[in-house]
C-alpha atoms as a PDB file:
ATOM      1  CA  MET A   1     -13.258  -4.252  -0.939  1.00  0.00           C
ATOM      2  CA  ARG A   2     -10.038  -2.626   0.104  1.00  0.00           C
ATOM      3  CA  VAL A   3      -9.618   0.327   2.446  1.00  0.00           C
ATOM      4  CA  THR A   4      -6.681   2.699   2.808  1.00  0.00           C
ATOM      5  CA  VAL A   5      -6.114   5.700   5.042  1.00  0.00           C
ATOM      6  CA  ASP A   6      -4.054   8.844   4.590  1.00  0.00           C
ATOM      7  CA  GLN A   7      -2.629   9.477   8.043  1.00  0.00           C
ATOM      8  CA  ASP A   8      -1.206  12.827   6.910  1.00  0.00           C
ATOM      9  CA  ARG A   9      -4.736  14.117   6.204  1.00  0.00           C
ATOM     10  CA  CYS A  10      -6.292  12.727   9.389  1.00  0.00           C
ATOM     11  CA  VAL A  11      -7.539  15.359  11.872  1.00  0.00           C
ATOM     12  CA  SER A  12      -8.210  12.861  14.689  1.00  0.00           C
ATOM     13  CA  SER A  13     -11.978  13.402  14.808  1.00  0.00           C
ATOM     14  CA  GLY A  14     -12.685   9.772  15.687  1.00  0.00           C
ATOM     15  CA  MET A  15     -15.607   9.435  13.275  1.00  0.00           C
ATOM     16  CA  CYS A  16     -13.956   6.388  11.729  1.00  0.00           C
ATOM     17  CA  VAL A  17     -13.813   4.519  15.033  1.00  0.00           C
ATOM     18  CA  MET A  18     -17.346   5.583  15.938  1.00  0.00           C
ATOM     19  CA  ASN A  19     -18.636   4.073  12.686  1.00  0.00           C
ATOM     20  CA  ALA A  20     -16.354   1.039  12.236  1.00  0.00           C
ATOM     21  CA  ALA A  21     -14.421   0.149  15.393  1.00  0.00           C
ATOM     22  CA  ASP A  22     -13.535  -3.270  13.982  1.00  0.00           C
ATOM     23  CA  VAL A  23     -11.748  -1.632  11.033  1.00  0.00           C
ATOM     24  CA  PHE A  24     -10.213   1.532  12.527  1.00  0.00           C
ATOM     25  CA  ASP A  25      -8.467   2.614  15.706  1.00  0.00           C
ATOM     26  CA  GLN A  26      -6.671   5.767  16.783  1.00  0.00           C
ATOM     27  CA  ARG A  27      -3.083   6.135  17.968  1.00  0.00           C
ATOM     28  CA  ASP A  28      -2.875   6.829  21.685  1.00  0.00           C
ATOM     29  CA  ASP A  29      -0.406   9.692  21.413  1.00  0.00           C
ATOM     30  CA  ASP A  30      -2.120  11.874  18.791  1.00  0.00           C
ATOM     31  CA  GLY A  31      -5.425  10.232  17.803  1.00  0.00           C
ATOM     32  CA  VAL A  32      -4.456   9.679  14.169  1.00  0.00           C
ATOM     33  CA  VAL A  33      -6.346   6.874  12.432  1.00  0.00           C
ATOM     34  CA  GLU A  34      -4.856   3.389  12.258  1.00  0.00           C
ATOM     35  CA  LEU A  35      -6.147   0.670   9.966  1.00  0.00           C
ATOM     36  CA  LEU A  36      -6.785  -2.667  11.676  1.00  0.00           C
ATOM     37  CA  VAL A  37      -7.431  -4.768   8.538  1.00  0.00           C
ATOM     38  CA  ASP A  38      -5.872  -5.104   5.092  1.00  0.00           C
ATOM     39  CA  GLU A  39      -8.983  -6.303   3.334  1.00  0.00           C
ATOM     40  CA  LEU A  40     -12.609  -5.812   4.349  1.00  0.00           C
ATOM     41  CA  ALA A  41     -14.937  -8.687   5.117  1.00  0.00           C
ATOM     42  CA  PRO A  42     -18.393  -8.364   3.527  1.00  0.00           C
ATOM     43  CA  ASP A  43     -19.997  -7.533   6.873  1.00  0.00           C
ATOM     44  CA  GLN A  44     -17.632  -4.542   7.233  1.00  0.00           C
ATOM     45  CA  TYR A  45     -18.513  -2.845   3.928  1.00  0.00           C
ATOM     46  CA  GLU A  46     -21.412  -0.719   5.106  1.00  0.00           C
ATOM     47  CA  SER A  47     -19.835   0.563   8.315  1.00  0.00           C
ATOM     48  CA  THR A  48     -16.558   1.342   6.532  1.00  0.00           C
ATOM     49  CA  GLN A  49     -18.337   3.295   3.822  1.00  0.00           C
ATOM     50  CA  ARG A  50     -20.186   5.215   6.559  1.00  0.00           C
ATOM     51  CA  ALA A  51     -16.858   5.960   8.247  1.00  0.00           C
ATOM     52  CA  ALA A  52     -15.365   7.222   4.978  1.00  0.00           C
ATOM     53  CA  ALA A  53     -18.369   9.469   4.367  1.00  0.00           C
ATOM     54  CA  ALA A  54     -18.213  10.834   7.934  1.00  0.00           C
ATOM     55  CA  CYS A  55     -14.476  11.606   7.840  1.00  0.00           C
ATOM     56  CA  PRO A  56     -14.121  15.420   7.834  1.00  0.00           C
ATOM     57  CA  ALA A  57     -10.617  15.206   6.337  1.00  0.00           C
ATOM     58  CA  LEU A  58     -11.543  12.695   3.594  1.00  0.00           C
ATOM     59  CA  ALA A  59      -8.648  10.543   4.792  1.00  0.00           C
ATOM     60  CA  ILE A  60     -10.380   7.177   4.218  1.00  0.00           C
ATOM     61  CA  HIS A  61     -10.548   5.599   0.762  1.00  0.00           C
ATOM     62  CA  VAL A  62     -12.662   2.526  -0.043  1.00  0.00           C
ATOM     63  CA  GLU A  63     -12.279   0.733  -3.368  1.00  0.00           C
ATOM     64  CA  GLU A  64     -13.183  -2.526  -5.016  1.00  0.00           C
ATOM     65  CA  ALA A  65     -10.484  -5.188  -4.568  1.00  0.00           C
ATOM     66  CA  ARG A  66      -8.792  -6.217  -7.789  1.00  0.00           C
END
């Protein structure tokens, strides 16, 4: 699986980090999401999907790797 983020949509709620701290972080200056990985490991799928579902701005996109 592959994950991408739209930093322009991010509202800095922190739900991504709360659900998948090994995949997401937030910038210190404004709290905008930062992606820590390019490709998800199998043990990160569930937490990343939870983070995407919890994002109030719908700024996280999870898709099958090609």
